[in-house]
Amino acid sequence: MIVIAGAVLGALTGGFTARRRKGSAADIAQYAAGFGICFGLAGLILTIALDKILL
């Protein structure tokens, strides 16, 4: 769940960042994909870390 939440949050953050910088539709899509991948990966690492610590 953390991975999915991170990916969605990252995509929204990236999309809003590109829109604030007055990017085109392709820029918005690229930022959303990049931030989504980055936040999803961070969520995966956090999930693995929590699993190792708690179990």
C-alpha atoms as a PDB file:
ATOM      1  CA  MET A   1       0.000   0.000   0.000  1.00  0.00           C
ATOM      2  CA  ILE A   2       2.848   2.374   0.720  1.00  0.00           C
ATOM      3  CA  VAL A   3       4.237   1.826  -2.774  1.00  0.00           C
ATOM      4  CA  ILE A   4       0.936   2.634  -4.471  1.00  0.00           C
ATOM      5  CA  ALA A   5       0.340   5.678  -2.281  1.00  0.00           C
ATOM      6  CA  GLY A   6       3.866   6.897  -3.002  1.00  0.00           C
ATOM      7  CA  ALA A   7       3.466   6.452  -6.742  1.00  0.00           C
ATOM      8  CA  VAL A   8       0.144   8.308  -6.816  1.00  0.00           C
ATOM      9  CA  LEU A   9       1.435  11.084  -4.562  1.00  0.00           C
ATOM     10  CA  GLY A  10       4.554  11.388  -6.719  1.00  0.00           C
ATOM     11  CA  ALA A  11       2.551  11.563  -9.941  1.00  0.00           C
ATOM     12  CA  LEU A  12       0.347  14.302  -8.518  1.00  0.00           C
ATOM     13  CA  THR A  13       3.351  16.216  -7.208  1.00  0.00           C
ATOM     14  CA  GLY A  14       5.154  15.939 -10.534  1.00  0.00           C
ATOM     15  CA  GLY A  15       2.109  16.997 -12.525  1.00  0.00           C
ATOM     16  CA  PHE A  16       1.501  20.041 -10.356  1.00  0.00           C
ATOM     17  CA  THR A  17       5.193  20.956 -10.451  1.00  0.00           C
ATOM     18  CA  ALA A  18       5.289  20.874 -14.247  1.00  0.00           C
ATOM     19  CA  ARG A  19       2.041  22.828 -14.507  1.00  0.00           C
ATOM     20  CA  ARG A  20       3.360  25.478 -12.097  1.00  0.00           C
ATOM     21  CA  ARG A  21       6.439  25.815 -14.317  1.00  0.00           C
ATOM     22  CA  LYS A  22       4.120  26.317 -17.326  1.00  0.00           C
ATOM     23  CA  GLY A  23       5.093  23.076 -19.051  1.00  0.00           C
ATOM     24  CA  SER A  24       3.356  21.538 -22.042  1.00  0.00           C
ATOM     25  CA  ALA A  25       1.252  18.372 -21.808  1.00  0.00           C
ATOM     26  CA  ALA A  26       4.316  16.252 -22.588  1.00  0.00           C
ATOM     27  CA  ASP A  27       6.276  17.986 -19.818  1.00  0.00           C
ATOM     28  CA  ILE A  28       3.471  17.362 -17.339  1.00  0.00           C
ATOM     29  CA  ALA A  29       3.307  13.682 -18.301  1.00  0.00           C
ATOM     30  CA  GLN A  30       7.073  13.286 -18.049  1.00  0.00           C
ATOM     31  CA  TYR A  31       7.274  14.966 -14.649  1.00  0.00           C
ATOM     32  CA  ALA A  32       4.336  12.897 -13.383  1.00  0.00           C
ATOM     33  CA  ALA A  33       5.969   9.669 -14.555  1.00  0.00           C
ATOM     34  CA  GLY A  34       9.381  10.582 -13.154  1.00  0.00           C
ATOM     35  CA  PHE A  35       8.105  11.687  -9.770  1.00  0.00           C
ATOM     36  CA  GLY A  36       5.751   8.702  -9.626  1.00  0.00           C
ATOM     37  CA  ILE A  37       8.596   6.268 -10.219  1.00  0.00           C
ATOM     38  CA  CYS A  38      10.822   8.040  -7.702  1.00  0.00           C
ATOM     39  CA  PHE A  39       8.201   8.161  -4.939  1.00  0.00           C
ATOM     40  CA  GLY A  40       7.111   4.592  -5.693  1.00  0.00           C
ATOM     41  CA  LEU A  41      10.687   3.392  -5.344  1.00  0.00           C
ATOM     42  CA  ALA A  42      11.039   5.285  -2.064  1.00  0.00           C
ATOM     43  CA  GLY A  43       7.819   3.633  -0.873  1.00  0.00           C
ATOM     44  CA  LEU A  44       9.185   0.216  -1.830  1.00  0.00           C
ATOM     45  CA  ILE A  45      12.380   0.817   0.134  1.00  0.00           C
ATOM     46  CA  LEU A  46      10.350   2.039   3.108  1.00  0.00           C
ATOM     47  CA  THR A  47       8.104  -1.028   2.918  1.00  0.00           C
ATOM     48  CA  ILE A  48      11.081  -3.395   2.869  1.00  0.00           C
ATOM     49  CA  ALA A  49      12.743  -1.543   5.737  1.00  0.00           C
ATOM     50  CA  LEU A  50       9.588  -1.659   7.857  1.00  0.00           C
ATOM     51  CA  ASP A  51       9.128  -5.352   7.087  1.00  0.00           C
ATOM     52  CA  LYS A  52      12.669  -6.131   8.185  1.00  0.00           C
ATOM     53  CA  ILE A  53      12.427  -4.020  11.331  1.00  0.00           C
ATOM     54  CA  LEU A  54       8.977  -5.150  12.498  1.00  0.00           C
ATOM     55  CA  LEU A  55       9.210  -8.834  11.638  1.00  0.00           C
END
